[in-house]
Amino acid sequence: AKEAREETIAAIEQLLLRRDELLEQLSPPYSEEEQQ
């Protein structure tokens, strides 16, 4: 909704930052379950 757009964008930014942090922590080798 246009009225709640700022809150939604802020939540999206927080999740994207968290994902970025987790992506930086990834290191191979991966198990079959992790690959799935």
PDB file of all heavy atoms in Angstrom:
ATOM      1  N   ALA A   1       0.857  -1.187   0.000  1.00  0.00           N
ATOM      2  CA  ALA A   1       0.000   0.000   0.000  1.00  0.00           C
ATOM      3  C   ALA A   1       0.895   1.241   0.000  1.00  0.00           C
ATOM      4  O   ALA A   1       1.979   1.251   0.577  1.00  0.00           O
ATOM      5  CB  ALA A   1      -0.909  -0.005   1.218  1.00  0.00           C
ATOM      6  N   LYS A   2       0.423   2.284  -0.658  1.00  0.00           N
ATOM      7  CA  LYS A   2       1.210   3.520  -0.738  1.00  0.00           C
ATOM      8  C   LYS A   2       1.463   4.118   0.643  1.00  0.00           C
ATOM      9  O   LYS A   2       2.502   4.707   0.890  1.00  0.00           O
ATOM     10  CB  LYS A   2       0.506   4.546  -1.623  1.00  0.00           C
ATOM     11  CG  LYS A   2       0.519   4.192  -3.077  1.00  0.00           C
ATOM     12  CD  LYS A   2      -0.155   5.269  -3.910  1.00  0.00           C
ATOM     13  CE  LYS A   2      -0.185   4.872  -5.364  1.00  0.00           C
ATOM     14  NZ  LYS A   2      -0.817   5.889  -6.203  1.00  0.00           N
ATOM     15  N   GLU A   3       0.491   3.960   1.547  1.00  0.00           N
ATOM     16  CA  GLU A   3       0.612   4.544   2.877  1.00  0.00           C
ATOM     17  C   GLU A   3       1.679   3.820   3.701  1.00  0.00           C
ATOM     18  O   GLU A   3       2.340   4.425   4.545  1.00  0.00           O
ATOM     19  CB  GLU A   3      -0.729   4.487   3.627  1.00  0.00           C
ATOM     20  CG  GLU A   3      -1.841   5.266   2.967  1.00  0.00           C
ATOM     21  CD  GLU A   3      -2.513   4.510   1.833  1.00  0.00           C
ATOM     22  OE1 GLU A   3      -2.509   3.264   1.832  1.00  0.00           O
ATOM     23  OE2 GLU A   3      -3.032   5.176   0.922  1.00  0.00           O
ATOM     24  N   ALA A   4       1.834   2.522   3.483  1.00  0.00           N
ATOM     25  CA  ALA A   4       2.771   1.723   4.278  1.00  0.00           C
ATOM     26  C   ALA A   4       4.047   1.403   3.501  1.00  0.00           C
ATOM     27  O   ALA A   4       4.791   0.518   3.890  1.00  0.00           O
ATOM     28  CB  ALA A   4       2.083   0.430   4.708  1.00  0.00           C
ATOM     29  N   ARG A   5       4.285   2.107   2.430  1.00  0.00           N
ATOM     30  CA  ARG A   5       5.418   1.790   1.573  1.00  0.00           C
ATOM     31  C   ARG A   5       6.750   2.003   2.284  1.00  0.00           C
ATOM     32  O   ARG A   5       7.659   1.191   2.152  1.00  0.00           O
ATOM     33  CB  ARG A   5       5.371   2.617   0.296  1.00  0.00           C
ATOM     34  CG  ARG A   5       6.458   2.209  -0.691  1.00  0.00           C
ATOM     35  CD  ARG A   5       6.413   2.994  -1.956  1.00  0.00           C
ATOM     36  NE  ARG A   5       5.272   2.572  -2.738  1.00  0.00           N
ATOM     37  CZ  ARG A   5       4.716   3.314  -3.687  1.00  0.00           C
ATOM     38  NH1 ARG A   5       5.190   4.507  -3.933  1.00  0.00           N
ATOM     39  NH2 ARG A   5       3.698   2.872  -4.372  1.00  0.00           N
ATOM     40  N   GLU A   6       6.871   3.078   3.049  1.00  0.00           N
ATOM     41  CA  GLU A   6       8.140   3.367   3.719  1.00  0.00           C
ATOM     42  C   GLU A   6       8.504   2.278   4.730  1.00  0.00           C
ATOM     43  O   GLU A   6       9.666   1.864   4.803  1.00  0.00           O
ATOM     44  CB  GLU A   6       8.089   4.735   4.397  1.00  0.00           C
ATOM     45  CG  GLU A   6       8.128   5.878   3.405  1.00  0.00           C
ATOM     46  CD  GLU A   6       8.238   7.226   4.087  1.00  0.00           C
ATOM     47  OE1 GLU A   6       8.944   7.320   5.101  1.00  0.00           O
ATOM     48  OE2 GLU A   6       7.618   8.170   3.588  1.00  0.00           O
ATOM     49  N   GLU A   7       7.508   1.805   5.501  1.00  0.00           N
ATOM     50  CA  GLU A   7       7.772   0.751   6.465  1.00  0.00           C
ATOM     51  C   GLU A   7       8.156  -0.541   5.756  1.00  0.00           C
ATOM     52  O   GLU A   7       9.057  -1.263   6.190  1.00  0.00           O
ATOM     53  CB  GLU A   7       6.546   0.504   7.363  1.00  0.00           C
ATOM     54  CG  GLU A   7       6.206   1.665   8.266  1.00  0.00           C
ATOM     55  CD  GLU A   7       5.329   2.707   7.594  1.00  0.00           C
ATOM     56  OE1 GLU A   7       4.701   2.400   6.546  1.00  0.00           O
ATOM     57  OE2 GLU A   7       5.283   3.834   8.094  1.00  0.00           O
ATOM     58  N   THR A   8       7.476  -0.826   4.650  1.00  0.00           N
ATOM     59  CA  THR A   8       7.773  -2.038   3.889  1.00  0.00           C
ATOM     60  C   THR A   8       9.177  -1.971   3.307  1.00  0.00           C
ATOM     61  O   THR A   8       9.927  -2.957   3.361  1.00  0.00           O
ATOM     62  CB  THR A   8       6.734  -2.227   2.763  1.00  0.00           C
ATOM     63  OG1 THR A   8       5.427  -2.227   3.328  1.00  0.00           O
ATOM     64  CG2 THR A   8       6.969  -3.523   2.027  1.00  0.00           C
ATOM     65  N   ILE A   9       9.550  -0.825   2.765  1.00  0.00           N
ATOM     66  CA  ILE A   9      10.894  -0.664   2.193  1.00  0.00           C
ATOM     67  C   ILE A   9      11.952  -0.803   3.280  1.00  0.00           C
ATOM     68  O   ILE A   9      12.997  -1.417   3.061  1.00  0.00           O
ATOM     69  CB  ILE A   9      11.008   0.673   1.444  1.00  0.00           C
ATOM     70  CG1 ILE A   9      10.160   0.630   0.175  1.00  0.00           C
ATOM     71  CG2 ILE A   9      12.450   0.996   1.095  1.00  0.00           C
ATOM     72  CD1 ILE A   9      10.061   1.940  -0.568  1.00  0.00           C
ATOM     73  N   ALA A  10      11.680  -0.257   4.467  1.00  0.00           N
ATOM     74  CA  ALA A  10      12.629  -0.389   5.575  1.00  0.00           C
ATOM     75  C   ALA A  10      12.797  -1.860   5.972  1.00  0.00           C
ATOM     76  O   ALA A  10      13.924  -2.325   6.211  1.00  0.00           O
ATOM     77  CB  ALA A  10      12.169   0.431   6.767  1.00  0.00           C
ATOM     78  N   ALA A  11      11.696  -2.605   6.006  1.00  0.00           N
ATOM     79  CA  ALA A  11      11.772  -4.029   6.339  1.00  0.00           C
ATOM     80  C   ALA A  11      12.531  -4.798   5.255  1.00  0.00           C
ATOM     81  O   ALA A  11      13.341  -5.685   5.567  1.00  0.00           O
ATOM     82  CB  ALA A  11      10.368  -4.599   6.509  1.00  0.00           C
ATOM     83  N   ILE A  12      12.292  -4.441   3.990  1.00  0.00           N
ATOM     84  CA  ILE A  12      13.003  -5.087   2.883  1.00  0.00           C
ATOM     85  C   ILE A  12      14.496  -4.815   2.992  1.00  0.00           C
ATOM     86  O   ILE A  12      15.320  -5.717   2.812  1.00  0.00           O
ATOM     87  CB  ILE A  12      12.440  -4.606   1.525  1.00  0.00           C
ATOM     88  CG1 ILE A  12      11.039  -5.172   1.308  1.00  0.00           C
ATOM     89  CG2 ILE A  12      13.365  -5.002   0.377  1.00  0.00           C
ATOM     90  CD1 ILE A  12      10.318  -4.575   0.119  1.00  0.00           C
ATOM     91  N   GLU A  13      14.864  -3.576   3.299  1.00  0.00           N
ATOM     92  CA  GLU A  13      16.280  -3.232   3.438  1.00  0.00           C
ATOM     93  C   GLU A  13      16.940  -4.029   4.560  1.00  0.00           C
ATOM     94  O   GLU A  13      18.066  -4.508   4.401  1.00  0.00           O
ATOM     95  CB  GLU A  13      16.443  -1.734   3.698  1.00  0.00           C
ATOM     96  CG  GLU A  13      16.224  -0.872   2.489  1.00  0.00           C
ATOM     97  CD  GLU A  13      16.352   0.611   2.795  1.00  0.00           C
ATOM     98  OE1 GLU A  13      16.526   0.979   3.973  1.00  0.00           O
ATOM     99  OE2 GLU A  13      16.269   1.397   1.848  1.00  0.00           O
ATOM    100  N   GLN A  14      16.243  -4.182   5.685  1.00  0.00           N
ATOM    101  CA  GLN A  14      16.796  -4.945   6.810  1.00  0.00           C
ATOM    102  C   GLN A  14      17.031  -6.404   6.414  1.00  0.00           C
ATOM    103  O   GLN A  14      18.083  -6.975   6.724  1.00  0.00           O
ATOM    104  CB  GLN A  14      15.858  -4.881   8.021  1.00  0.00           C
ATOM    105  CG  GLN A  14      15.806  -3.533   8.680  1.00  0.00           C
ATOM    106  CD  GLN A  14      17.152  -3.156   9.283  1.00  0.00           C
ATOM    107  OE1 GLN A  14      17.902  -3.992   9.765  1.00  0.00           O
ATOM    108  NE2 GLN A  14      17.464  -1.872   9.239  1.00  0.00           N
ATOM    109  N   LEU A  15      16.046  -6.985   5.720  1.00  0.00           N
ATOM    110  CA  LEU A  15      16.199  -8.377   5.302  1.00  0.00           C
ATOM    111  C   LEU A  15      17.319  -8.537   4.273  1.00  0.00           C
ATOM    112  O   LEU A  15      18.073  -9.515   4.305  1.00  0.00           O
ATOM    113  CB  LEU A  15      14.871  -8.908   4.752  1.00  0.00           C
ATOM    114  CG  LEU A  15      13.765  -9.118   5.785  1.00  0.00           C
ATOM    115  CD1 LEU A  15      12.445  -9.453   5.119  1.00  0.00           C
ATOM    116  CD2 LEU A  15      14.157 -10.198   6.777  1.00  0.00           C
ATOM    117  N   LEU A  16      17.434  -7.580   3.360  1.00  0.00           N
ATOM    118  CA  LEU A  16      18.504  -7.649   2.366  1.00  0.00           C
ATOM    119  C   LEU A  16      19.884  -7.516   3.016  1.00  0.00           C
ATOM    120  O   LEU A  16      20.833  -8.206   2.623  1.00  0.00           O
ATOM    121  CB  LEU A  16      18.308  -6.573   1.291  1.00  0.00           C
ATOM    122  CG  LEU A  16      17.170  -6.810   0.304  1.00  0.00           C
ATOM    123  CD1 LEU A  16      16.992  -5.599  -0.605  1.00  0.00           C
ATOM    124  CD2 LEU A  16      17.400  -8.062  -0.520  1.00  0.00           C
ATOM    125  N   LEU A  17      19.991  -6.641   4.012  1.00  0.00           N
ATOM    126  CA  LEU A  17      21.256  -6.508   4.735  1.00  0.00           C
ATOM    127  C   LEU A  17      21.599  -7.802   5.480  1.00  0.00           C
ATOM    128  O   LEU A  17      22.759  -8.235   5.485  1.00  0.00           O
ATOM    129  CB  LEU A  17      21.197  -5.335   5.709  1.00  0.00           C
ATOM    130  CG  LEU A  17      21.235  -3.941   5.093  1.00  0.00           C
ATOM    131  CD1 LEU A  17      20.998  -2.875   6.158  1.00  0.00           C
ATOM    132  CD2 LEU A  17      22.565  -3.706   4.398  1.00  0.00           C
ATOM    133  N   ARG A  18      20.604  -8.397   6.097  1.00  0.00           N
ATOM    134  CA  ARG A  18      20.835  -9.657   6.814  1.00  0.00           C
ATOM    135  C   ARG A  18      21.270 -10.754   5.842  1.00  0.00           C
ATOM    136  O   ARG A  18      22.183 -11.527   6.134  1.00  0.00           O
ATOM    137  CB  ARG A  18      19.554 -10.065   7.566  1.00  0.00           C
ATOM    138  CG  ARG A  18      19.688 -11.347   8.324  1.00  0.00           C
ATOM    139  CD  ARG A  18      20.649 -11.188   9.485  1.00  0.00           C
ATOM    140  NE  ARG A  18      20.793 -12.475  10.147  1.00  0.00           N
ATOM    141  CZ  ARG A  18      21.945 -12.974  10.570  1.00  0.00           C
ATOM    142  NH1 ARG A  18      23.052 -12.286  10.463  1.00  0.00           N
ATOM    143  NH2 ARG A  18      21.992 -14.154  11.138  1.00  0.00           N
ATOM    144  N   ARG A  19      20.607 -10.809   4.680  1.00  0.00           N
ATOM    145  CA  ARG A  19      20.992 -11.802   3.671  1.00  0.00           C
ATOM    146  C   ARG A  19      22.421 -11.573   3.193  1.00  0.00           C
ATOM    147  O   ARG A  19      23.168 -12.523   2.981  1.00  0.00           O
ATOM    148  CB  ARG A  19      20.046 -11.720   2.465  1.00  0.00           C
ATOM    149  CG  ARG A  19      18.843 -12.586   2.574  1.00  0.00           C
ATOM    150  CD  ARG A  19      17.994 -12.530   1.360  1.00  0.00           C
ATOM    151  NE  ARG A  19      18.785 -12.556   0.134  1.00  0.00           N
ATOM    152  CZ  ARG A  19      18.336 -12.939  -1.035  1.00  0.00           C
ATOM    153  NH1 ARG A  19      17.098 -13.346  -1.155  1.00  0.00           N
ATOM    154  NH2 ARG A  19      19.088 -12.922  -2.106  1.00  0.00           N
ATOM    155  N   ASP A  20      22.793 -10.322   3.022  1.00  0.00           N
ATOM    156  CA  ASP A  20      24.147 -10.000   2.570  1.00  0.00           C
ATOM    157  C   ASP A  20      25.178 -10.475   3.595  1.00  0.00           C
ATOM    158  O   ASP A  20      26.214 -11.043   3.227  1.00  0.00           O
ATOM    159  CB  ASP A  20      24.269  -8.494   2.332  1.00  0.00           C
ATOM    160  CG  ASP A  20      25.551  -8.115   1.632  1.00  0.00           C
ATOM    161  OD1 ASP A  20      25.986  -8.866   0.729  1.00  0.00           O
ATOM    162  OD2 ASP A  20      26.128  -7.069   1.986  1.00  0.00           O
ATOM    163  N   GLU A  21      24.881 -10.257   4.874  1.00  0.00           N
ATOM    164  CA  GLU A  21      25.783 -10.720   5.930  1.00  0.00           C
ATOM    165  C   GLU A  21      25.927 -12.240   5.900  1.00  0.00           C
ATOM    166  O   GLU A  21      27.028 -12.771   6.039  1.00  0.00           O
ATOM    167  CB  GLU A  21      25.255 -10.294   7.300  1.00  0.00           C
ATOM    168  CG  GLU A  21      25.317  -8.807   7.556  1.00  0.00           C
ATOM    169  CD  GLU A  21      24.591  -8.407   8.835  1.00  0.00           C
ATOM    170  OE1 GLU A  21      24.069  -9.308   9.541  1.00  0.00           O
ATOM    171  OE2 GLU A  21      24.547  -7.209   9.128  1.00  0.00           O
ATOM    172  N   LEU A  22      24.799 -12.930   5.707  1.00  0.00           N
ATOM    173  CA  LEU A  22      24.839 -14.391   5.673  1.00  0.00           C
ATOM    174  C   LEU A  22      25.584 -14.898   4.436  1.00  0.00           C
ATOM    175  O   LEU A  22      26.313 -15.892   4.513  1.00  0.00           O
ATOM    176  CB  LEU A  22      23.418 -14.952   5.712  1.00  0.00           C
ATOM    177  CG  LEU A  22      22.675 -14.776   7.029  1.00  0.00           C
ATOM    178  CD1 LEU A  22      21.217 -15.174   6.886  1.00  0.00           C
ATOM    179  CD2 LEU A  22      23.342 -15.576   8.136  1.00  0.00           C
ATOM    180  N   LEU A  23      25.412 -14.231   3.313  1.00  0.00           N
ATOM    181  CA  LEU A  23      26.107 -14.641   2.088  1.00  0.00           C
ATOM    182  C   LEU A  23      27.620 -14.509   2.235  1.00  0.00           C
ATOM    183  O   LEU A  23      28.379 -15.302   1.680  1.00  0.00           O
ATOM    184  CB  LEU A  23      25.614 -13.831   0.885  1.00  0.00           C
ATOM    185  CG  LEU A  23      24.229 -14.202   0.360  1.00  0.00           C
ATOM    186  CD1 LEU A  23      23.770 -13.199  -0.698  1.00  0.00           C
ATOM    187  CD2 LEU A  23      24.230 -15.611  -0.202  1.00  0.00           C
ATOM    188  N   GLU A  24      28.053 -13.491   2.974  1.00  0.00           N
ATOM    189  CA  GLU A  24      29.489 -13.306   3.190  1.00  0.00           C
ATOM    190  C   GLU A  24      30.066 -14.410   4.069  1.00  0.00           C
ATOM    191  O   GLU A  24      31.255 -14.719   3.978  1.00  0.00           O
ATOM    192  CB  GLU A  24      29.758 -11.937   3.819  1.00  0.00           C
ATOM    193  CG  GLU A  24      29.545 -10.789   2.869  1.00  0.00           C
ATOM    194  CD  GLU A  24      29.742  -9.433   3.534  1.00  0.00           C
ATOM    195  OE1 GLU A  24      30.125  -9.392   4.724  1.00  0.00           O
ATOM    196  OE2 GLU A  24      29.509  -8.422   2.859  1.00  0.00           O
ATOM    197  N   GLN A  25      29.236 -15.007   4.922  1.00  0.00           N
ATOM    198  CA  GLN A  25      29.704 -16.041   5.831  1.00  0.00           C
ATOM    199  C   GLN A  25      29.758 -17.426   5.177  1.00  0.00           C
ATOM    200  O   GLN A  25      30.311 -18.358   5.759  1.00  0.00           O
ATOM    201  CB  GLN A  25      28.808 -16.111   7.065  1.00  0.00           C
ATOM    202  CG  GLN A  25      28.859 -14.868   7.911  1.00  0.00           C
ATOM    203  CD  GLN A  25      27.867 -14.922   9.059  1.00  0.00           C
ATOM    204  OE1 GLN A  25      27.243 -15.944   9.304  1.00  0.00           O
ATOM    205  NE2 GLN A  25      27.716 -13.806   9.750  1.00  0.00           N
ATOM    206  N   LEU A  26      29.180 -17.580   4.001  1.00  0.00           N
ATOM    207  CA  LEU A  26      29.165 -18.884   3.333  1.00  0.00           C
ATOM    208  C   LEU A  26      30.569 -19.295   2.915  1.00  0.00           C
ATOM    209  O   LEU A  26      31.352 -18.477   2.430  1.00  0.00           O
ATOM    210  CB  LEU A  26      28.280 -18.839   2.091  1.00  0.00           C
ATOM    211  CG  LEU A  26      26.777 -18.801   2.308  1.00  0.00           C
ATOM    212  CD1 LEU A  26      26.064 -18.698   0.975  1.00  0.00           C
ATOM    213  CD2 LEU A  26      26.318 -20.025   3.053  1.00  0.00           C
ATOM    214  N   SER A  27      30.855 -20.572   3.102  1.00  0.00           N
ATOM    215  CA  SER A  27      32.139 -21.099   2.635  1.00  0.00           C
ATOM    216  C   SER A  27      31.956 -22.574   2.284  1.00  0.00           C
ATOM    217  O   SER A  27      31.324 -23.318   3.030  1.00  0.00           O
ATOM    218  CB  SER A  27      33.211 -20.922   3.697  1.00  0.00           C
ATOM    219  OG  SER A  27      32.853 -21.624   4.862  1.00  0.00           O
ATOM    220  N   PRO A  28      32.486 -22.997   1.140  1.00  0.00           N
ATOM    221  CA  PRO A  28      32.374 -24.403   0.742  1.00  0.00           C
ATOM    222  C   PRO A  28      33.250 -25.268   1.629  1.00  0.00           C
ATOM    223  O   PRO A  28      34.114 -24.741   2.324  1.00  0.00           O
ATOM    224  CB  PRO A  28      32.855 -24.408  -0.700  1.00  0.00           C
ATOM    225  CG  PRO A  28      33.470 -23.080  -0.942  1.00  0.00           C
ATOM    226  CD  PRO A  28      33.100 -22.168   0.165  1.00  0.00           C
ATOM    227  N   PRO A  29      33.141 -26.515   1.650  1.00  0.00           N
ATOM    228  CA  PRO A  29      32.299 -27.426   0.863  1.00  0.00           C
ATOM    229  C   PRO A  29      30.892 -27.518   1.455  1.00  0.00           C
ATOM    230  O   PRO A  29      30.692 -27.300   2.642  1.00  0.00           O
ATOM    231  CB  PRO A  29      33.021 -28.762   0.978  1.00  0.00           C
ATOM    232  CG  PRO A  29      33.718 -28.685   2.297  1.00  0.00           C
ATOM    233  CD  PRO A  29      34.067 -27.222   2.511  1.00  0.00           C
ATOM    234  N   TYR A  30      29.955 -27.875   0.594  1.00  0.00           N
ATOM    235  CA  TYR A  30      28.555 -27.966   1.000  1.00  0.00           C
ATOM    236  C   TYR A  30      28.100 -29.422   0.948  1.00  0.00           C
ATOM    237  O   TYR A  30      28.462 -30.173   0.047  1.00  0.00           O
ATOM    238  CB  TYR A  30      27.669 -27.119   0.070  1.00  0.00           C
ATOM    239  CG  TYR A  30      28.089 -25.684  -0.004  1.00  0.00           C
ATOM    240  CD1 TYR A  30      28.580 -25.141  -1.188  1.00  0.00           C
ATOM    241  CD2 TYR A  30      28.010 -24.859   1.104  1.00  0.00           C
ATOM    242  CE1 TYR A  30      28.965 -23.818  -1.255  1.00  0.00           C
ATOM    243  CE2 TYR A  30      28.399 -23.531   1.040  1.00  0.00           C
ATOM    244  CZ  TYR A  30      28.873 -23.017  -0.142  1.00  0.00           C
ATOM    245  OH  TYR A  30      29.259 -21.706  -0.204  1.00  0.00           O
ATOM    246  N   SER A  31      27.256 -29.785   1.893  1.00  0.00           N
ATOM    247  CA  SER A  31      26.692 -31.142   1.906  1.00  0.00           C
ATOM    248  C   SER A  31      25.546 -31.202   0.889  1.00  0.00           C
ATOM    249  O   SER A  31      25.140 -30.180   0.318  1.00  0.00           O
ATOM    250  CB  SER A  31      26.179 -31.479   3.307  1.00  0.00           C
ATOM    251  OG  SER A  31      25.074 -30.662   3.630  1.00  0.00           O
ATOM    252  N   GLU A  32      25.015 -32.392   0.684  1.00  0.00           N
ATOM    253  CA  GLU A  32      23.894 -32.570  -0.258  1.00  0.00           C
ATOM    254  C   GLU A  32      22.690 -31.745   0.195  1.00  0.00           C
ATOM    255  O   GLU A  32      22.018 -31.123  -0.615  1.00  0.00           O
ATOM    256  CB  GLU A  32      23.510 -34.050  -0.358  1.00  0.00           C
ATOM    257  CG  GLU A  32      24.417 -34.858  -1.232  1.00  0.00           C
ATOM    258  CD  GLU A  32      24.341 -34.451  -2.704  1.00  0.00           C
ATOM    259  OE1 GLU A  32      23.235 -34.178  -3.183  1.00  0.00           O
ATOM    260  OE2 GLU A  32      25.402 -34.391  -3.347  1.00  0.00           O
ATOM    261  N   GLU A  33      22.426 -31.769   1.492  1.00  0.00           N
ATOM    262  CA  GLU A  33      21.280 -31.014   2.027  1.00  0.00           C
ATOM    263  C   GLU A  33      21.475 -29.519   1.801  1.00  0.00           C
ATOM    264  O   GLU A  33      20.540 -28.810   1.414  1.00  0.00           O
ATOM    265  CB  GLU A  33      21.112 -31.304   3.517  1.00  0.00           C
ATOM    266  CG  GLU A  33      19.953 -30.567   4.163  1.00  0.00           C
ATOM    267  CD  GLU A  33      19.882 -30.795   5.660  1.00  0.00           C
ATOM    268  OE1 GLU A  33      20.543 -31.715   6.179  1.00  0.00           O
ATOM    269  OE2 GLU A  33      19.157 -30.026   6.316  1.00  0.00           O
ATOM    270  N   GLU A  34      22.673 -29.036   2.037  1.00  0.00           N
ATOM    271  CA  GLU A  34      22.951 -27.610   1.835  1.00  0.00           C
ATOM    272  C   GLU A  34      22.846 -27.234   0.364  1.00  0.00           C
ATOM    273  O   GLU A  34      22.382 -26.141   0.034  1.00  0.00           O
ATOM    274  CB  GLU A  34      24.340 -27.276   2.370  1.00  0.00           C
ATOM    275  CG  GLU A  34      24.429 -27.311   3.876  1.00  0.00           C
ATOM    276  CD  GLU A  34      25.838 -27.081   4.397  1.00  0.00           C
ATOM    277  OE1 GLU A  34      26.807 -27.335   3.662  1.00  0.00           O
ATOM    278  OE2 GLU A  34      25.954 -26.634   5.557  1.00  0.00           O
ATOM    279  N   GLN A  35      23.250 -28.114  -0.518  1.00  0.00           N
ATOM    280  CA  GLN A  35      23.123 -27.840  -1.948  1.00  0.00           C
ATOM    281  C   GLN A  35      21.653 -27.761  -2.347  1.00  0.00           C
ATOM    282  O   GLN A  35      21.267 -26.912  -3.152  1.00  0.00           O
ATOM    283  CB  GLN A  35      23.848 -28.904  -2.767  1.00  0.00           C
ATOM    284  CG  GLN A  35      25.352 -28.789  -2.699  1.00  0.00           C
ATOM    285  CD  GLN A  35      26.060 -29.851  -3.516  1.00  0.00           C
ATOM    286  OE1 GLN A  35      25.429 -30.680  -4.168  1.00  0.00           O
ATOM    287  NE2 GLN A  35      27.389 -29.834  -3.473  1.00  0.00           N
ATOM    288  N   GLN A  36      20.820 -28.621  -1.781  1.00  0.00           N
ATOM    289  CA  GLN A  36      19.379 -28.590  -2.071  1.00  0.00           C
ATOM    290  C   GLN A  36      18.768 -27.283  -1.553  1.00  0.00           C
ATOM    291  O   GLN A  36      17.960 -26.655  -2.238  1.00  0.00           O
ATOM    292  CB  GLN A  36      18.677 -29.800  -1.438  1.00  0.00           C
ATOM    293  CG  GLN A  36      17.239 -29.947  -1.820  1.00  0.00           C
ATOM    294  CD  GLN A  36      17.050 -30.163  -3.314  1.00  0.00           C
ATOM    295  OE1 GLN A  36      17.888 -30.736  -3.991  1.00  0.00           O
ATOM    296  NE2 GLN A  36      15.948 -29.669  -3.828  1.00  0.00           N
TER     297      GLN A  36
END
